[in-house]
Amino acid sequence: MTINWPWHQPFFWVAIVLLFPLLGNGQCTTTISSSNGYDVNVTITPQTIIPSSNSCPFGYNYNVEMSYSASFSGSNQPANLYTFQGNLICGASSHFFNLPNAGGSGNVTSSSNVWTGNTDCATSTVSSFGCNSVNIIIQGPGISHQTVNCAITPLPVDLVRWKAEKQGPWVTLKWSTASEQNNDRFELQRSQQGQDWETIDEQAGQESSNVLRHYQFEDQPYFSGPLFYRLKQVDLNGDTHYSSILMVEGAAESEQIHWSIKEEYIGLQDPNDKIERVIIRDLSGQALIRESDRLGSEIRIPRDGLKAGIYLLQWWVGDQVYTEKVYLP
């Protein structure tokens, strides 16, 4: 297990780029069922028109940027599909794109490089091009080769800001809505690979609103490598929609702290000698172990009397307390 701890960052800094802002565009959501017992759940959200030029007095070629989410559910889930592709339909034009056969979440850009005689290359949007459906081409175990039409429907939330800012070990997630219709709640989700998502916070929506609303959450992740965040928006009737995905770069190796489970102790690496106190607690918060030994840069917390299970590893650096769940086999 690796913990990000950017000690050398004394000032505030923005750690991510807003990759694909969701500005009230529609999305298509569909489920394809196999004869083997599993389903393929697909969501495609057209995001941005990518013109070949910013100056287009006689027209221009363009592609379309989309975010996608594809997951398997049910029994006998395959490792991969055989074919997984799509065509985004914008007016009379078709824009081809590939999807990963193993599923997942991320972004994709069409490759058809379609020509238009319009002169709006600096202001064009997926709405102005009339992108209104996706033809999903799919084949896999228990799924015959077929094309499934998925209509693009308007989203109930007009999300005008969605960003992440990093300061030390904290990541601040912020989003704002210009309008909300039948919005029950937001679920803030996090992933290490951009595929397996966990909900780390829920915030109530405004149900129906036409004024600017602001939301915020402070996350304190303990992972090396990049982190991914997305918003899951849930309607009052239970329908769900997803935002674009944000990525936060992980700390450099020299800035990471590692902890590991040994047979006789829990080891916590502290190369900068910053940790002042360590406690092991049960899930109810009761302190079980308050003693630890330091051997060089490693702090060792004895496992005496701890049965197999999940515990809370807690440590202090000045006035700041950090908590992480650990599983003892």
Protein backbone atom coordinates (compact mmCIF):
# COMPACT_ATOMS: atom_id res chain seq x y z
CA MET A 1 0.00 0.00 0.00
CA THR A 2 1.33 3.44 -0.94
CA ILE A 3 0.26 6.78 0.53
CA ASN A 4 0.67 10.09 -1.27
CA TRP A 5 2.12 12.75 0.97
CA PRO A 6 3.43 15.83 -0.89
CA TRP A 7 5.49 17.42 1.90
CA HIS A 8 7.33 19.79 -0.38
CA GLN A 9 4.17 21.65 -1.48
CA PRO A 10 3.98 24.71 0.82
CA PHE A 11 1.65 26.65 -1.44
CA PHE A 12 -1.71 26.07 -3.02
CA TRP A 13 -1.63 24.54 -6.46
CA VAL A 14 -4.13 23.20 -9.00
CA ALA A 15 -3.31 19.55 -9.66
CA ILE A 16 -5.68 18.65 -12.49
CA VAL A 17 -6.97 19.87 -15.77
CA LEU A 18 -10.69 20.00 -16.43
CA LEU A 19 -10.59 17.43 -19.22
CA PHE A 20 -14.12 17.43 -20.57
CA PRO A 21 -16.53 19.93 -19.03
CA LEU A 22 -20.13 18.75 -19.01
CA LEU A 23 -22.25 21.75 -20.00
CA GLY A 24 -25.75 20.41 -20.05
CA ASN A 25 -25.12 18.11 -23.04
CA GLY A 26 -27.29 15.05 -23.41
CA GLN A 27 -26.17 11.46 -23.14
CA CYS A 28 -27.29 8.03 -24.24
CA THR A 29 -27.61 5.16 -21.78
CA THR A 30 -28.46 1.60 -22.73
CA THR A 31 -28.06 -1.99 -21.54
CA ILE A 32 -27.32 -4.94 -23.84
CA SER A 33 -28.17 -8.36 -22.40
CA SER A 34 -26.31 -11.55 -23.29
CA SER A 35 -27.62 -15.10 -23.34
CA ASN A 36 -24.86 -16.03 -20.86
CA GLY A 37 -26.36 -14.13 -17.90
CA TYR A 38 -24.42 -10.86 -17.99
CA ASP A 39 -25.37 -7.34 -19.15
CA VAL A 40 -23.27 -4.63 -20.78
CA ASN A 41 -24.18 -1.18 -19.42
CA VAL A 42 -23.14 1.67 -21.70
CA THR A 43 -23.26 5.46 -21.33
CA ILE A 44 -21.98 7.81 -24.05
CA THR A 45 -21.89 11.60 -23.57
CA PRO A 46 -20.87 13.83 -26.51
CA GLN A 47 -18.74 16.63 -25.13
CA THR A 48 -16.90 18.84 -27.57
CA ILE A 49 -16.55 19.52 -31.28
CA ILE A 50 -12.88 19.42 -32.33
CA PRO A 51 -12.44 21.48 -35.53
CA SER A 52 -9.38 21.14 -37.74
CA SER A 53 -8.96 24.91 -37.75
CA ASN A 54 -10.02 27.97 -35.79
CA SER A 55 -10.41 29.91 -39.02
CA CYS A 56 -12.91 28.46 -41.47
CA PRO A 57 -14.28 30.93 -44.05
CA PHE A 58 -15.07 28.02 -46.41
CA GLY A 59 -15.79 25.18 -43.95
CA TYR A 60 -13.70 22.70 -41.96
CA ASN A 61 -13.20 19.07 -40.96
CA TYR A 62 -14.05 18.06 -37.41
CA ASN A 63 -14.23 15.18 -34.93
CA VAL A 64 -16.23 14.83 -31.72
CA GLU A 65 -14.92 14.20 -28.23
CA MET A 66 -17.03 11.94 -25.99
CA SER A 67 -16.88 10.49 -22.50
CA TYR A 68 -17.95 6.90 -22.00
CA SER A 69 -18.72 4.42 -19.24
CA ALA A 70 -19.06 0.70 -20.01
CA SER A 71 -19.45 -1.96 -17.33
CA PHE A 72 -20.48 -5.60 -16.99
CA SER A 73 -23.06 -6.81 -14.48
CA GLY A 74 -24.71 -10.14 -13.71
CA SER A 75 -23.18 -13.61 -13.90
CA ASN A 76 -20.52 -15.09 -16.23
CA GLN A 77 -19.01 -11.68 -16.94
CA PRO A 78 -16.38 -11.89 -19.71
CA ALA A 79 -12.90 -10.43 -19.59
CA ASN A 80 -13.44 -8.89 -23.02
CA LEU A 81 -16.01 -8.41 -25.74
CA TYR A 82 -15.16 -9.37 -29.33
CA THR A 83 -16.33 -6.11 -30.92
CA PHE A 84 -17.16 -2.83 -29.21
CA GLN A 85 -17.48 0.29 -31.38
CA GLY A 86 -19.86 3.12 -32.10
CA ASN A 87 -21.08 5.73 -34.54
CA LEU A 88 -22.23 9.07 -33.18
CA ILE A 89 -24.99 10.49 -35.38
CA CYS A 90 -24.91 14.29 -35.74
CA GLY A 91 -27.53 15.44 -38.22
CA ALA A 92 -26.76 13.60 -41.46
CA SER A 93 -23.15 12.82 -40.42
CA SER A 94 -21.79 9.67 -38.76
CA HIS A 95 -18.70 9.75 -36.51
CA PHE A 96 -16.95 6.42 -35.88
CA PHE A 97 -15.15 5.61 -32.60
CA ASN A 98 -13.73 2.57 -30.81
CA LEU A 99 -14.53 1.49 -27.24
CA PRO A 100 -12.30 -0.78 -25.08
CA ASN A 101 -13.39 -4.42 -25.31
CA ALA A 102 -12.76 -4.79 -21.57
CA GLY A 103 -15.08 -1.89 -20.72
CA GLY A 104 -14.16 0.90 -18.31
CA SER A 105 -14.58 4.67 -18.20
CA GLY A 106 -12.77 7.48 -19.92
CA ASN A 107 -12.88 9.54 -23.07
CA VAL A 108 -12.68 8.86 -26.77
CA THR A 109 -12.49 10.97 -29.93
CA SER A 110 -14.12 10.04 -33.22
CA SER A 111 -11.84 9.36 -36.18
CA SER A 112 -14.06 10.09 -39.21
CA ASN A 113 -12.83 13.69 -39.67
CA VAL A 114 -16.13 14.76 -41.25
CA TRP A 115 -16.30 17.84 -43.51
CA THR A 116 -18.85 20.62 -43.00
CA GLY A 117 -19.39 23.72 -45.08
CA ASN A 118 -20.29 25.72 -41.96
CA THR A 119 -18.13 28.67 -40.90
CA ASP A 120 -18.75 28.33 -37.14
CA CYS A 121 -15.57 26.42 -36.21
CA ALA A 122 -14.86 28.75 -33.26
CA THR A 123 -18.34 28.41 -31.71
CA SER A 124 -19.72 25.02 -32.80
CA THR A 125 -21.13 22.63 -30.16
CA VAL A 126 -22.58 19.13 -30.16
CA SER A 127 -26.00 20.77 -29.83
CA SER A 128 -25.52 22.98 -32.87
CA PHE A 129 -24.52 19.91 -34.91
CA GLY A 130 -27.62 18.03 -33.78
CA CYS A 131 -25.84 15.03 -32.21
CA ASN A 132 -28.89 13.02 -31.18
CA SER A 133 -28.08 9.29 -31.14
CA VAL A 134 -25.35 6.66 -31.01
CA ASN A 135 -25.27 3.35 -32.89
CA ILE A 136 -23.35 0.89 -30.70
CA ILE A 137 -21.78 -2.04 -32.59
CA ILE A 138 -21.23 -4.97 -30.25
CA GLN A 139 -20.41 -8.68 -30.22
CA GLY A 140 -19.28 -10.89 -27.36
CA PRO A 141 -19.85 -14.19 -25.55
CA GLY A 142 -23.60 -14.75 -25.72
CA ILE A 143 -24.10 -11.54 -27.76
CA SER A 144 -24.46 -11.91 -31.53
CA HIS A 145 -22.97 -9.22 -33.76
CA GLN A 146 -25.51 -6.39 -33.72
CA THR A 147 -26.03 -2.63 -33.81
CA VAL A 148 -27.98 -1.06 -30.96
CA ASN A 149 -29.40 2.44 -31.34
CA CYS A 150 -29.09 4.61 -28.23
CA ALA A 151 -30.95 7.94 -28.28
CA ILE A 152 -29.28 10.96 -26.70
CA THR A 153 -31.57 12.60 -24.16
CA PRO A 154 -31.09 15.93 -22.35
CA LEU A 155 -29.46 15.75 -18.92
CA PRO A 156 -31.51 16.94 -15.93
CA VAL A 157 -28.58 18.99 -14.58
CA ASP A 158 -26.74 21.82 -16.30
CA LEU A 159 -23.25 21.37 -14.84
CA VAL A 160 -21.26 24.55 -15.52
CA ARG A 161 -18.22 23.83 -13.33
CA TRP A 162 -16.50 20.59 -12.35
CA LYS A 163 -12.93 20.80 -11.09
CA ALA A 164 -10.46 19.45 -8.55
CA GLU A 165 -7.80 21.44 -6.68
CA LYS A 166 -4.99 19.87 -4.67
CA GLN A 167 -3.28 21.33 -1.61
CA GLY A 168 -0.87 19.05 0.23
CA PRO A 169 -2.58 15.70 0.84
CA TRP A 170 -6.05 17.17 0.26
CA VAL A 171 -8.07 17.27 -2.98
CA THR A 172 -10.93 19.78 -3.12
CA LEU A 173 -13.72 18.80 -5.52
CA LYS A 174 -15.99 21.63 -6.66
CA TRP A 175 -18.99 21.66 -8.98
CA SER A 176 -21.71 24.17 -9.82
CA THR A 177 -25.05 23.85 -11.56
CA ALA A 178 -26.94 26.51 -13.51
CA SER A 179 -30.17 24.52 -13.33
CA GLU A 180 -31.49 21.26 -11.90
CA GLN A 181 -34.63 19.33 -12.75
CA ASN A 182 -35.83 16.39 -10.61
CA ASN A 183 -32.35 16.07 -9.11
CA ASP A 184 -32.32 13.92 -5.98
CA ARG A 185 -28.59 13.83 -5.21
CA PHE A 186 -24.98 13.77 -6.33
CA GLU A 187 -22.66 10.87 -5.53
CA LEU A 188 -18.97 11.76 -5.72
CA GLN A 189 -16.97 8.74 -6.92
CA ARG A 190 -13.25 7.96 -6.95
CA SER A 191 -11.14 5.36 -8.75
CA GLN A 192 -7.47 4.44 -8.99
CA GLN A 193 -7.68 2.95 -12.50
CA GLY A 194 -10.72 4.75 -13.91
CA GLN A 195 -12.72 1.50 -13.90
CA ASP A 196 -13.68 0.39 -10.37
CA TRP A 197 -15.48 3.28 -8.69
CA GLU A 198 -16.25 3.86 -5.00
CA THR A 199 -18.65 6.50 -3.67
CA ILE A 200 -16.82 8.76 -1.19
CA ASP A 201 -19.54 11.37 -0.59
CA GLU A 202 -23.22 12.09 -1.22
CA GLN A 203 -24.83 15.52 -1.39
CA ALA A 204 -28.52 16.29 -1.77
CA GLY A 205 -29.63 17.96 -4.99
CA GLN A 206 -32.02 20.88 -5.26
CA GLU A 207 -34.78 18.80 -6.97
CA SER A 208 -35.77 21.72 -9.23
CA SER A 209 -33.77 24.94 -9.44
CA ASN A 210 -32.96 27.61 -12.02
CA VAL A 211 -30.35 29.52 -10.03
CA LEU A 212 -26.61 28.93 -9.69
CA ARG A 213 -25.79 26.33 -7.02
CA HIS A 214 -22.34 25.43 -5.64
CA TYR A 215 -21.11 22.14 -4.15
CA GLN A 216 -17.80 21.14 -2.56
CA PHE A 217 -16.08 18.16 -0.92
CA GLU A 218 -12.62 17.70 0.65
CA ASP A 219 -10.98 14.34 -0.11
CA GLN A 220 -7.85 13.04 1.58
CA PRO A 221 -6.69 10.10 -0.56
CA TYR A 222 -3.83 7.77 0.32
CA PHE A 223 -2.86 6.31 -3.05
CA SER A 224 0.12 6.48 -5.36
CA GLY A 225 -0.32 7.09 -9.06
CA PRO A 226 -3.13 9.06 -10.68
CA LEU A 227 -6.60 9.32 -9.16
CA PHE A 228 -9.84 9.70 -11.09
CA TYR A 229 -13.04 11.43 -9.97
CA ARG A 230 -16.54 11.60 -11.44
CA LEU A 231 -20.02 12.72 -10.38
CA LYS A 232 -22.95 10.33 -10.43
CA GLN A 233 -26.20 12.31 -10.60
CA VAL A 234 -29.37 10.49 -9.46
CA ASP A 235 -32.87 11.61 -10.47
CA LEU A 236 -35.88 11.45 -8.13
CA ASN A 237 -37.05 8.39 -10.08
CA GLY A 238 -33.69 6.64 -9.67
CA ASP A 239 -32.26 7.27 -13.16
CA THR A 240 -28.53 8.01 -13.12
CA HIS A 241 -26.19 10.17 -15.21
CA TYR A 242 -22.42 10.65 -15.05
CA SER A 243 -20.14 13.65 -15.45
CA SER A 244 -16.86 13.73 -17.30
CA ILE A 245 -13.85 12.27 -15.48
CA LEU A 246 -11.19 14.37 -13.75
CA MET A 247 -7.67 13.13 -13.09
CA VAL A 248 -5.31 14.14 -10.27
CA GLU A 249 -1.65 13.29 -10.72
CA GLY A 250 -0.05 11.31 -7.88
CA ALA A 251 2.94 12.43 -5.86
CA ALA A 252 6.50 11.60 -6.86
CA GLU A 253 8.05 8.47 -5.33
CA SER A 254 10.21 10.57 -2.99
CA GLU A 255 7.05 12.19 -1.61
CA GLN A 256 5.20 8.95 -0.81
CA ILE A 257 4.83 7.16 2.49
CA HIS A 258 4.34 3.39 2.47
CA TRP A 259 2.72 1.12 5.01
CA SER A 260 2.72 -2.65 5.01
CA ILE A 261 1.36 -5.58 7.01
CA LYS A 262 3.93 -7.91 8.57
CA GLU A 263 3.37 -11.08 10.58
CA GLU A 264 4.20 -9.43 13.93
CA TYR A 265 3.67 -5.72 13.23
CA ILE A 266 2.30 -3.01 10.93
CA GLY A 267 5.13 -1.05 9.35
CA LEU A 268 4.77 2.63 8.50
CA GLN A 269 7.62 4.28 6.57
CA ASP A 270 8.40 7.81 7.78
CA PRO A 271 11.54 8.93 5.88
CA ASN A 272 11.03 12.59 6.79
CA ASP A 273 10.58 11.89 10.51
CA LYS A 274 7.29 13.79 10.62
CA ILE A 275 4.97 11.33 12.37
CA GLU A 276 4.57 12.09 16.07
CA ARG A 277 2.02 9.54 17.26
CA VAL A 278 0.33 6.36 15.96
CA ILE A 279 -2.82 4.55 17.16
CA ILE A 280 -4.65 1.42 16.00
CA ARG A 281 -8.44 1.59 16.48
CA ASP A 282 -11.33 -0.74 15.81
CA LEU A 283 -14.10 0.38 13.45
CA SER A 284 -16.08 1.84 16.36
CA GLY A 285 -13.17 4.20 17.08
CA GLN A 286 -11.93 2.53 20.28
CA ALA A 287 -8.15 2.74 20.67
CA LEU A 288 -6.56 -0.73 20.83
CA ILE A 289 -2.82 -0.04 20.47
CA ARG A 290 -1.02 3.18 21.33
CA GLU A 291 2.57 1.93 21.43
CA SER A 292 5.03 1.81 18.56
CA ASP A 293 8.75 1.41 17.97
CA ARG A 294 10.95 3.23 15.45
CA LEU A 295 13.69 1.42 13.59
CA GLY A 296 15.41 3.88 11.30
CA SER A 297 12.72 5.39 9.05
CA GLU A 298 10.17 2.68 9.87
CA ILE A 299 7.59 2.89 12.64
CA ARG A 300 6.51 -0.55 13.86
CA ILE A 301 3.12 -1.03 15.53
CA PRO A 302 2.84 -4.46 17.20
CA ARG A 303 -0.08 -6.72 16.24
CA ASP A 304 -0.33 -8.33 19.68
CA GLY A 305 -3.91 -9.40 20.37
CA LEU A 306 -5.32 -8.22 17.03
CA LYS A 307 -7.51 -10.76 15.27
CA ALA A 308 -7.99 -10.90 11.52
CA GLY A 309 -10.23 -8.07 10.33
CA ILE A 310 -10.38 -4.39 9.41
CA TYR A 311 -8.84 -1.73 11.65
CA LEU A 312 -8.13 2.00 11.52
CA LEU A 313 -4.49 3.08 11.32
CA GLN A 314 -4.24 6.65 12.64
CA TRP A 315 -1.24 8.96 12.91
CA TRP A 316 -0.49 12.60 13.71
CA VAL A 317 1.73 15.18 12.05
CA GLY A 318 1.52 18.35 14.11
CA ASP A 319 -2.17 19.20 14.45
CA GLN A 320 -3.13 17.14 11.39
CA VAL A 321 -4.52 13.61 11.89
CA TYR A 322 -4.57 10.97 9.13
CA THR A 323 -6.68 7.81 9.11
CA GLU A 324 -6.51 4.76 6.85
CA LYS A 325 -8.34 1.42 6.91
CA VAL A 326 -6.09 -1.66 7.03
CA TYR A 327 -7.01 -5.33 6.67
CA LEU A 328 -5.17 -7.83 8.84
CA PRO A 329 -5.27 -11.37 7.39
